[in-house]
Amino acid sequence: MRKNICKAAVLLVLPVLILTACGHTIRLQVERTPTMNTAGIRRIAIMPFGTTASHNVSREMAQYVTATATSRIQALNHFTLVDHTVIEQLRRRNESIEGHVDALFTGQVTRIDVRDNTSQRQVTDRSTGQTRTITTFHREVEIEFNYYFTQARDGSLIGPVSKRGSTRASNEDRNALTSSTVLLRSVIDSQLRLIDRDVVPHIVIESRRLARESSRDKDLKALMKDAESQVRSGSYKIALESYLGIYRRYKNIAAAQNVSILYEALGEIPVAIDFLQGVFSETGNLRVRDDITRLNRILQDRATIAADFGDARSQIEKVAAHASEEIRKAIPQNARVWIYNNSANDNMIAAVIDNITADFIRRGVGIVDRENTALIEAEQRYQMSGYVSDNDFVSIGNAAGASTIVVIGITGTGAVRRLQLRVLDIERGIPILQSDTSEAWRL
């Protein structure tokens, strides 16, 4: 492919495109997979970054990288963040972290270099003829760090991604020279500015540059120029037909390449591939073969994104939505529901309960107030006993004024972890719904 044709690998051309023609360039909004394969990772804890050095500046920068990475990842609204202190407490008790997070995000500051030097120059005052020496103070800093994910289920690593950056400052006043801390922080900010590209699918704007005809055929060049003008005016479909006509008449490779670019811009990549395969069969042109390879890669990566990242909702949200629907099918009209957390996994269950409760409120299902005094006292009394039977649940429900009890817990770990749900009718004292082991309940 010609050097002036954009070579960036595109993963997914979004259904709704931002298309503009700037000269002979078409710009598209596209989505890429992250540098690190974070498919399936939703719940993470961002652990404090480490450092290979013991001096204060290195420790301070490790803390700053941790805080900045946390802020930027949180702003992505892709992961559910679990506080790192929860993980640290579990580790101190030698308990598994798998029920709380899918992975840990952390890293290390591996090198910091601060260099100060001076330079001098002679300046002559034209009016007096006197020469004086001016000293300039320079400070240059460089920092290297990395980050990676550690999967909770088996401790395997995803990454690392290494970052390195530098900057410098100069001033004729030594006291006004920017501090090394401020300079190092600016480098960290710059290196983490695009952290989304490493951890989540992300949208970028990419360019596709139209191929131009360099032959001396005036008629052909005029037709190619007219088609390019149609692109510039935003008439992509008309331009596509023009380039198709040029290729059929002249078997011109530049026109064929532009046909494929416009098909891609219009979201018709399979059609572009079929067209180029016909061109390659006719011409054997290697540039066309490269274009076919690129477009096939786009389709393959599109399938990967759809399978691994296509649903923006977390698994917890999906399971909670399924649970809410099943509960509403089972409970009688005008039911007053009490949701009981029967799991030690507070973070995950709390998220499920919050989602179910929010859905019930939107749909007008009566919910027992969690701040109900009788309910709190009864829960605490039975939790302290270490075992809660159906009769106990009925007693608690009656105390709280509930007509239906939803008991929620978690069974298994890792790939076999599932939401366990039972619904009890208080008046009859019988279960009316029990979750099974199907994939619909897998967390």
Protein backbone atom coordinates (compact mmCIF):
# COMPACT_ATOMS: atom_id res chain seq x y z
CA MET A 1 0.00 0.00 0.00
CA ARG A 2 1.26 3.49 -0.68
CA LYS A 3 3.04 5.27 2.15
CA ASN A 4 0.37 7.94 2.29
CA ILE A 5 -2.35 5.44 3.08
CA CYS A 6 -3.15 5.13 6.77
CA LYS A 7 -1.82 1.84 8.13
CA ALA A 8 -3.48 1.87 11.58
CA ALA A 9 -5.25 -1.38 12.42
CA VAL A 10 -8.96 -0.82 12.80
CA LEU A 11 -11.05 -3.07 14.95
CA LEU A 12 -14.59 -1.97 14.54
CA VAL A 13 -16.24 0.67 12.43
CA LEU A 14 -19.16 1.81 14.53
CA PRO A 15 -22.69 1.64 13.11
CA VAL A 16 -22.93 5.41 13.42
CA LEU A 17 -19.88 7.00 11.80
CA ILE A 18 -18.39 10.44 11.90
CA LEU A 19 -17.44 10.93 8.27
CA THR A 20 -15.80 14.04 6.92
CA ALA A 21 -13.72 14.66 3.87
CA CYS A 22 -10.75 16.89 4.49
CA GLY A 23 -8.94 17.12 1.15
CA HIS A 24 -8.43 13.56 0.04
CA THR A 25 -8.84 12.04 3.52
CA ILE A 26 -11.88 10.33 5.02
CA ARG A 27 -12.09 10.30 8.80
CA LEU A 28 -13.92 7.54 10.64
CA GLN A 29 -14.87 6.91 14.23
CA VAL A 30 -13.59 3.45 15.09
CA GLU A 31 -13.26 1.26 18.15
CA ARG A 32 -10.20 -0.71 19.16
CA THR A 33 -9.59 -3.46 21.66
CA PRO A 34 -7.29 -2.62 24.58
CA THR A 35 -3.59 -3.41 24.64
CA MET A 36 -4.21 -5.80 27.51
CA ASN A 37 -6.88 -8.46 27.07
CA THR A 38 -9.34 -7.48 29.78
CA ALA A 39 -12.26 -9.44 28.34
CA GLY A 40 -14.43 -10.78 31.15
CA ILE A 41 -12.85 -8.56 33.81
CA ARG A 42 -15.42 -6.33 35.47
CA ARG A 43 -14.60 -6.13 39.19
CA ILE A 44 -11.11 -4.90 39.98
CA ALA A 45 -9.15 -3.51 42.87
CA ILE A 46 -6.42 -0.97 42.14
CA MET A 47 -3.57 -1.86 44.45
CA PRO A 48 -0.87 0.60 45.57
CA PHE A 49 2.01 0.73 43.09
CA GLY A 50 5.39 -0.42 44.30
CA THR A 51 8.86 0.98 43.69
CA THR A 52 12.32 -0.47 43.25
CA ALA A 53 13.90 2.39 45.20
CA SER A 54 13.52 3.39 48.82
CA HIS A 55 13.96 7.17 48.59
CA ASN A 56 11.09 9.52 49.31
CA VAL A 57 10.68 10.82 45.73
CA SER A 58 10.22 7.29 44.39
CA ARG A 59 7.61 6.44 47.03
CA GLU A 60 5.81 9.73 46.42
CA MET A 61 5.69 9.09 42.68
CA ALA A 62 4.41 5.53 43.22
CA GLN A 63 1.56 7.01 45.27
CA TYR A 64 0.88 9.59 42.58
CA VAL A 65 0.77 6.96 39.81
CA THR A 66 -1.66 4.92 41.93
CA ALA A 67 -3.94 7.91 42.54
CA THR A 68 -3.86 9.10 38.92
CA ALA A 69 -4.47 5.63 37.48
CA THR A 70 -7.37 5.16 39.91
CA SER A 71 -8.96 8.45 38.91
CA ARG A 72 -8.65 7.78 35.18
CA ILE A 73 -9.88 4.17 35.36
CA GLN A 74 -12.81 5.19 37.53
CA ALA A 75 -13.76 7.85 34.98
CA LEU A 76 -14.00 5.16 32.28
CA ASN A 77 -17.11 3.78 34.04
CA HIS A 78 -16.22 0.31 32.75
CA PHE A 79 -15.06 -1.53 35.87
CA THR A 80 -16.61 -1.96 39.28
CA LEU A 81 -13.89 -0.80 41.67
CA VAL A 82 -13.32 -2.62 44.96
CA ASP A 83 -11.29 -0.81 47.61
CA HIS A 84 -7.77 -2.21 47.89
CA THR A 85 -8.07 -2.38 51.68
CA VAL A 86 -10.70 -5.12 51.28
CA ILE A 87 -8.17 -7.23 49.37
CA GLU A 88 -5.45 -6.53 51.91
CA GLN A 89 -7.72 -7.65 54.77
CA LEU A 90 -8.63 -10.85 52.94
CA ARG A 91 -4.98 -11.63 52.32
CA ARG A 92 -4.09 -11.08 55.96
CA ARG A 93 -6.74 -13.65 56.85
CA ASN A 94 -5.45 -15.99 54.11
CA GLU A 95 -8.88 -15.88 52.46
CA SER A 96 -9.61 -16.07 48.73
CA ILE A 97 -10.10 -12.79 46.89
CA GLU A 98 -11.85 -14.43 43.94
CA GLY A 99 -15.32 -13.83 45.28
CA HIS A 100 -14.65 -10.10 45.50
CA VAL A 101 -12.69 -9.22 42.34
CA ASP A 102 -11.91 -10.62 38.93
CA ALA A 103 -8.46 -9.07 38.85
CA LEU A 104 -6.07 -6.73 40.61
CA PHE A 105 -4.55 -3.74 38.83
CA THR A 106 -1.16 -2.60 40.01
CA GLY A 107 2.35 -1.78 38.87
CA GLN A 108 5.74 -0.47 39.83
CA VAL A 109 7.88 2.61 39.44
CA THR A 110 11.13 1.16 38.10
CA ARG A 111 13.34 4.21 37.56
CA ILE A 112 13.50 7.91 38.36
CA ASP A 113 16.27 10.14 37.12
CA VAL A 114 16.66 13.83 37.97
CA ARG A 115 19.50 15.79 36.37
CA ASP A 116 20.40 19.42 37.09
CA ASN A 117 22.92 21.38 35.04
CA THR A 118 23.70 24.89 33.89
CA SER A 119 24.63 26.64 30.67
CA GLN A 120 26.14 30.06 30.07
CA ARG A 121 26.03 32.54 27.25
CA GLN A 122 27.52 35.93 26.61
CA VAL A 123 25.23 38.90 25.98
CA THR A 124 26.51 42.28 24.78
CA ASP A 125 24.58 45.47 25.45
CA ARG A 126 24.59 47.36 22.15
CA SER A 127 24.19 50.75 23.78
CA THR A 128 27.08 50.40 26.23
CA GLY A 129 29.16 47.73 24.56
CA GLN A 130 29.45 45.87 27.84
CA THR A 131 29.31 42.07 27.86
CA ARG A 132 27.84 40.04 30.63
CA THR A 133 27.48 36.35 31.31
CA ILE A 134 24.00 34.88 31.77
CA THR A 135 23.66 31.55 33.55
CA THR A 136 20.61 29.37 32.86
CA PHE A 137 19.63 26.56 35.20
CA HIS A 138 18.23 23.38 33.68
CA ARG A 139 16.41 20.47 35.25
CA GLU A 140 15.53 17.29 33.36
CA VAL A 141 13.53 14.41 34.80
CA GLU A 142 12.76 10.93 33.49
CA ILE A 143 10.52 8.26 34.96
CA GLU A 144 9.74 4.68 34.02
CA PHE A 145 6.88 2.60 35.40
CA ASN A 146 4.65 -0.27 34.38
CA TYR A 147 1.23 -1.65 35.17
CA TYR A 148 -0.59 -4.93 34.74
CA PHE A 149 -3.56 -7.03 35.84
CA THR A 150 -3.28 -10.11 38.05
CA GLN A 151 -6.24 -12.44 37.58
CA ALA A 152 -7.85 -13.46 40.85
CA ARG A 153 -8.69 -16.99 39.80
CA ASP A 154 -5.15 -18.19 39.10
CA GLY A 155 -2.70 -15.34 39.64
CA SER A 156 -1.80 -15.10 35.94
CA LEU A 157 -0.65 -11.74 34.61
CA ILE A 158 -2.14 -9.63 31.84
CA GLY A 159 0.55 -7.25 30.66
CA PRO A 160 2.65 -5.51 31.76
CA VAL A 161 2.51 -2.26 29.83
CA SER A 162 5.67 -0.19 30.25
CA LYS A 163 5.69 3.61 30.26
CA ARG A 164 8.61 5.99 30.03
CA GLY A 165 8.65 9.74 29.68
CA SER A 166 10.76 12.79 30.34
CA THR A 167 10.49 16.55 30.46
CA ARG A 168 12.66 19.50 31.35
CA ALA A 169 12.51 23.05 32.61
CA SER A 170 14.87 26.01 32.43
CA ASN A 171 15.09 29.31 34.24
CA GLU A 172 17.65 32.00 34.81
CA ASP A 173 16.54 32.15 38.44
CA ARG A 174 17.56 29.00 40.33
CA ASN A 175 14.84 29.55 42.93
CA ALA A 176 12.18 29.80 40.23
CA LEU A 177 13.17 26.52 38.55
CA THR A 178 10.27 24.05 38.51
CA SER A 179 10.66 21.37 41.17
CA SER A 180 11.47 17.79 40.20
CA THR A 181 8.24 16.62 41.87
CA VAL A 182 6.09 18.87 39.69
CA LEU A 183 7.97 17.80 36.57
CA LEU A 184 7.68 14.10 37.40
CA ARG A 185 3.96 14.45 38.02
CA SER A 186 3.50 16.13 34.65
CA VAL A 187 5.24 13.19 32.97
CA ILE A 188 3.01 10.71 34.82
CA ASP A 189 -0.09 12.67 33.79
CA SER A 190 1.06 12.58 30.18
CA GLN A 191 1.83 8.85 30.22
CA LEU A 192 -1.51 7.95 31.81
CA ARG A 193 -3.59 10.29 29.64
CA LEU A 194 -4.45 7.43 27.27
CA ILE A 195 -4.59 4.60 29.80
CA ASP A 196 -8.02 3.71 28.41
CA ARG A 197 -6.31 2.35 25.30
CA ASP A 198 -4.53 -0.20 27.47
CA VAL A 199 -7.44 -1.39 29.60
CA VAL A 200 -10.78 -1.01 27.76
CA PRO A 201 -12.18 -0.87 24.22
CA HIS A 202 -11.83 2.71 23.11
CA ILE A 203 -12.95 5.01 20.33
CA VAL A 204 -10.46 6.84 18.14
CA ILE A 205 -10.64 8.88 14.98
CA GLU A 206 -8.71 7.35 12.09
CA SER A 207 -8.03 8.51 8.57
CA ARG A 208 -8.31 6.73 5.26
CA ARG A 209 -6.38 8.50 2.51
CA LEU A 210 -7.71 8.11 -1.02
CA ALA A 211 -5.29 6.73 -3.60
CA ARG A 212 -4.50 9.08 -6.47
CA GLU A 213 -3.85 8.27 -10.09
CA SER A 214 -0.38 9.17 -11.37
CA SER A 215 -0.70 8.05 -14.98
CA ARG A 216 -0.60 10.46 -17.92
CA ASP A 217 -4.07 9.45 -19.15
CA LYS A 218 -5.89 12.79 -19.02
CA ASP A 219 -9.37 11.27 -19.24
CA LEU A 220 -8.63 8.86 -16.39
CA LYS A 221 -7.11 11.59 -14.24
CA ALA A 222 -10.13 13.83 -14.86
CA LEU A 223 -12.53 11.06 -13.81
CA MET A 224 -10.50 10.34 -10.66
CA LYS A 225 -10.45 14.05 -9.83
CA ASP A 226 -14.23 14.30 -10.23
CA ALA A 227 -14.74 11.28 -7.95
CA GLU A 228 -12.46 12.81 -5.34
CA SER A 229 -14.49 16.02 -5.52
CA GLN A 230 -17.61 13.97 -4.75
CA VAL A 231 -15.86 12.59 -1.67
CA ARG A 232 -14.91 16.07 -0.57
CA SER A 233 -18.53 17.17 -0.84
CA GLY A 234 -19.62 14.25 1.33
CA SER A 235 -21.36 12.33 -1.45
CA TYR A 236 -19.81 8.98 -0.57
CA LYS A 237 -22.29 6.75 -2.38
CA ILE A 238 -22.06 8.78 -5.57
CA ALA A 239 -18.27 8.76 -5.35
CA LEU A 240 -18.35 4.99 -4.78
CA GLU A 241 -20.29 4.48 -8.00
CA SER A 242 -17.86 6.74 -9.82
CA TYR A 243 -14.82 4.78 -8.64
CA LEU A 244 -16.57 1.51 -9.49
CA GLY A 245 -17.16 2.78 -13.01
CA ILE A 246 -13.53 3.84 -13.34
CA TYR A 247 -12.28 0.44 -12.24
CA ARG A 248 -14.59 -1.45 -14.61
CA ARG A 249 -13.46 0.72 -17.52
CA TYR A 250 -9.73 1.02 -16.81
CA LYS A 251 -9.00 -1.80 -14.29
CA ASN A 252 -7.35 0.95 -12.30
CA ILE A 253 -5.95 -0.17 -8.91
CA ALA A 254 -6.17 3.27 -7.30
CA ALA A 255 -9.89 3.39 -8.11
CA ALA A 256 -10.33 -0.12 -6.70
CA GLN A 257 -8.60 0.85 -3.48
CA ASN A 258 -10.84 3.90 -3.16
CA VAL A 259 -13.89 1.70 -3.69
CA SER A 260 -12.82 -0.43 -0.71
CA ILE A 261 -12.18 2.66 1.42
CA LEU A 262 -15.64 4.03 0.70
CA TYR A 263 -17.30 0.66 1.37
CA GLU A 264 -15.49 0.60 4.71
CA ALA A 265 -16.58 4.14 5.49
CA LEU A 266 -20.20 3.16 4.75
CA GLY A 267 -19.94 0.12 7.05
CA GLU A 268 -20.05 -2.44 4.24
CA ILE A 269 -16.79 -4.25 4.91
CA PRO A 270 -17.91 -7.72 3.66
CA VAL A 271 -18.91 -6.10 0.35
CA ALA A 272 -15.51 -4.41 0.19
CA ILE A 273 -13.77 -7.74 0.70
CA ASP A 274 -15.83 -9.47 -1.99
CA PHE A 275 -15.06 -6.66 -4.42
CA LEU A 276 -11.32 -6.70 -3.70
CA GLN A 277 -11.14 -10.47 -4.01
CA GLY A 278 -12.51 -10.10 -7.53
CA VAL A 279 -9.94 -7.37 -8.26
CA PHE A 280 -7.11 -9.55 -6.94
CA SER A 281 -8.25 -12.48 -9.07
CA GLU A 282 -8.17 -10.22 -12.13
CA THR A 283 -4.95 -8.34 -11.41
CA GLY A 284 -2.92 -10.22 -8.80
CA ASN A 285 -1.97 -6.82 -7.37
CA LEU A 286 -0.18 -7.16 -4.01
CA ARG A 287 -1.56 -3.90 -2.65
CA VAL A 288 -5.07 -5.26 -3.14
CA ARG A 289 -4.07 -8.45 -1.34
CA ASP A 290 -2.84 -6.36 1.59
CA ASP A 291 -6.15 -4.48 1.67
CA ILE A 292 -8.06 -7.76 1.76
CA THR A 293 -5.93 -8.93 4.69
CA ARG A 294 -6.55 -5.67 6.56
CA LEU A 295 -10.30 -5.82 6.06
CA ASN A 296 -10.49 -9.49 7.05
CA ARG A 297 -8.66 -8.58 10.24
CA ILE A 298 -11.26 -5.90 10.91
CA LEU A 299 -14.06 -8.46 10.65
CA GLN A 300 -12.22 -10.92 12.88
CA ASP A 301 -11.60 -8.26 15.50
CA ARG A 302 -15.17 -7.04 15.22
CA ALA A 303 -16.33 -10.52 16.20
CA THR A 304 -13.92 -10.47 19.14
CA ILE A 305 -15.23 -7.15 20.39
CA ALA A 306 -18.85 -8.24 20.03
CA ALA A 307 -18.18 -11.47 21.94
CA ASP A 308 -15.91 -10.15 24.68
CA PHE A 309 -16.85 -6.51 25.13
CA GLY A 310 -20.13 -6.07 23.28
CA ASP A 311 -22.35 -5.87 26.33
CA ALA A 312 -21.44 -2.81 28.35
CA ARG A 313 -23.39 -4.08 31.37
CA SER A 314 -21.43 -6.06 33.91
CA GLN A 315 -22.24 -9.67 34.58
CA ILE A 316 -23.63 -8.63 37.95
CA GLU A 317 -26.10 -6.29 36.25
CA LYS A 318 -27.19 -8.97 33.80
CA VAL A 319 -27.75 -11.54 36.53
CA ALA A 320 -29.56 -9.00 38.70
CA ALA A 321 -31.88 -8.13 35.79
CA HIS A 322 -32.63 -11.83 35.26
CA ALA A 323 -33.26 -12.32 38.98
CA SER A 324 -35.59 -9.34 39.13
CA GLU A 325 -37.64 -10.65 36.22
CA GLU A 326 -37.94 -14.16 37.73
CA ILE A 327 -38.91 -12.77 41.14
CA ARG A 328 -41.61 -10.56 39.66
CA LYS A 329 -43.07 -13.55 37.85
CA ALA A 330 -43.30 -15.54 41.09
CA ILE A 331 -44.60 -13.03 43.64
CA PRO A 332 -48.28 -12.15 44.01
CA GLN A 333 -49.68 -8.77 43.14
CA ASN A 334 -49.26 -6.06 45.78
CA ALA A 335 -46.49 -8.08 47.43
CA ARG A 336 -44.33 -6.34 50.00
CA VAL A 337 -40.83 -7.70 49.49
CA TRP A 338 -37.96 -8.01 51.92
CA ILE A 339 -34.57 -8.85 50.37
CA TYR A 340 -32.22 -10.72 52.71
CA ASN A 341 -28.45 -10.86 52.14
CA ASN A 342 -27.46 -14.44 53.00
CA SER A 343 -23.85 -14.20 51.83
CA ALA A 344 -20.53 -13.20 53.31
CA ASN A 345 -19.59 -11.66 49.97
CA ASP A 346 -20.81 -8.21 50.87
CA ASN A 347 -19.56 -6.32 47.82
CA MET A 348 -20.97 -8.56 45.12
CA ILE A 349 -24.27 -9.30 46.85
CA ALA A 350 -24.73 -5.65 47.75
CA ALA A 351 -24.39 -4.78 44.06
CA VAL A 352 -26.95 -7.43 43.08
CA ILE A 353 -29.40 -6.27 45.75
CA ASP A 354 -28.98 -2.63 44.75
CA ASN A 355 -29.79 -3.46 41.13
CA ILE A 356 -32.82 -5.59 42.01
CA THR A 357 -34.11 -2.96 44.44
CA ALA A 358 -33.74 -0.18 41.87
CA ASP A 359 -35.64 -2.27 39.30
CA PHE A 360 -38.43 -3.04 41.80
CA ILE A 361 -38.83 0.65 42.64
CA ARG A 362 -39.03 1.57 38.95
CA ARG A 363 -41.74 -1.06 38.45
CA GLY A 364 -43.76 -0.19 41.54
CA VAL A 365 -42.98 -3.34 43.55
CA GLY A 366 -43.28 -2.71 47.30
CA ILE A 367 -39.94 -2.94 49.16
CA VAL A 368 -39.44 -3.20 52.92
CA ASP A 369 -37.28 -0.32 54.14
CA ARG A 370 -33.81 -1.61 55.00
CA GLU A 371 -33.72 0.81 57.93
CA ASN A 372 -36.74 -0.88 59.52
CA THR A 373 -35.75 -1.24 63.21
CA ALA A 374 -37.56 -4.52 63.75
CA LEU A 375 -35.98 -5.94 60.63
CA ILE A 376 -32.46 -4.92 61.63
CA GLU A 377 -32.82 -6.35 65.12
CA ALA A 378 -34.27 -9.61 63.85
CA GLU A 379 -31.57 -9.99 61.20
CA GLN A 380 -28.81 -9.43 63.72
CA ARG A 381 -30.35 -11.89 66.16
CA TYR A 382 -30.58 -14.69 63.62
CA GLN A 383 -27.22 -13.92 61.99
CA MET A 384 -25.52 -14.29 65.37
CA SER A 385 -27.04 -17.74 65.76
CA GLY A 386 -25.08 -18.94 62.70
CA TYR A 387 -28.10 -20.57 61.01
CA VAL A 388 -31.34 -19.18 59.65
CA SER A 389 -34.16 -21.56 58.77
CA ASP A 390 -37.24 -20.89 56.65
CA ASN A 391 -39.26 -20.50 59.86
CA ASP A 392 -36.75 -17.90 61.05
CA PHE A 393 -37.11 -16.01 57.78
CA VAL A 394 -40.89 -16.05 58.13
CA SER A 395 -40.58 -14.65 61.67
CA ILE A 396 -38.26 -11.88 60.52
CA GLY A 397 -40.54 -11.07 57.60
CA ASN A 398 -43.59 -10.84 59.82
CA ALA A 399 -41.69 -8.51 62.17
CA ALA A 400 -40.83 -6.26 59.26
CA GLY A 401 -44.32 -6.28 57.73
CA ALA A 402 -43.22 -8.18 54.61
CA SER A 403 -45.40 -10.61 52.67
CA THR A 404 -42.57 -12.10 50.57
CA ILE A 405 -38.92 -12.81 51.36
CA VAL A 406 -36.14 -12.96 48.77
CA VAL A 407 -33.08 -14.74 50.16
CA ILE A 408 -29.94 -14.07 48.11
CA GLY A 409 -26.55 -15.72 48.36
CA ILE A 410 -23.63 -16.97 46.27
CA THR A 411 -22.47 -20.52 45.64
CA GLY A 412 -19.18 -21.68 44.13
CA THR A 413 -16.18 -19.65 43.03
CA GLY A 414 -14.64 -18.49 39.77
CA ALA A 415 -16.25 -19.93 36.65
CA VAL A 416 -18.80 -21.90 38.71
CA ARG A 417 -19.84 -18.93 40.90
CA ARG A 418 -23.61 -18.40 40.73
CA LEU A 419 -26.29 -16.36 42.37
CA GLN A 420 -28.43 -18.49 44.67
CA LEU A 421 -31.93 -17.16 45.13
CA ARG A 422 -34.98 -18.37 47.05
CA VAL A 423 -38.35 -16.64 47.37
CA LEU A 424 -40.60 -17.50 50.32
CA ASP A 425 -44.30 -16.76 50.67
CA ILE A 426 -44.67 -15.63 54.30
CA GLU A 427 -48.39 -16.26 54.62
CA ARG A 428 -48.12 -19.84 53.44
CA GLY A 429 -44.58 -20.36 54.74
CA ILE A 430 -43.47 -22.10 51.52
CA PRO A 431 -40.85 -21.42 48.85
CA ILE A 432 -42.29 -20.18 45.55
CA LEU A 433 -39.04 -19.78 43.58
CA GLN A 434 -35.63 -21.45 43.66
CA SER A 435 -32.77 -20.57 41.28
CA ASP A 436 -31.08 -23.39 39.39
CA THR A 437 -27.54 -23.95 38.09
CA SER A 438 -28.08 -22.59 34.58
CA GLU A 439 -25.83 -19.99 32.96
CA ALA A 440 -28.43 -17.29 33.56
CA TRP A 441 -27.39 -17.20 37.23
CA ARG A 442 -23.61 -17.27 36.69
CA LEU A 443 -21.74 -14.32 38.16
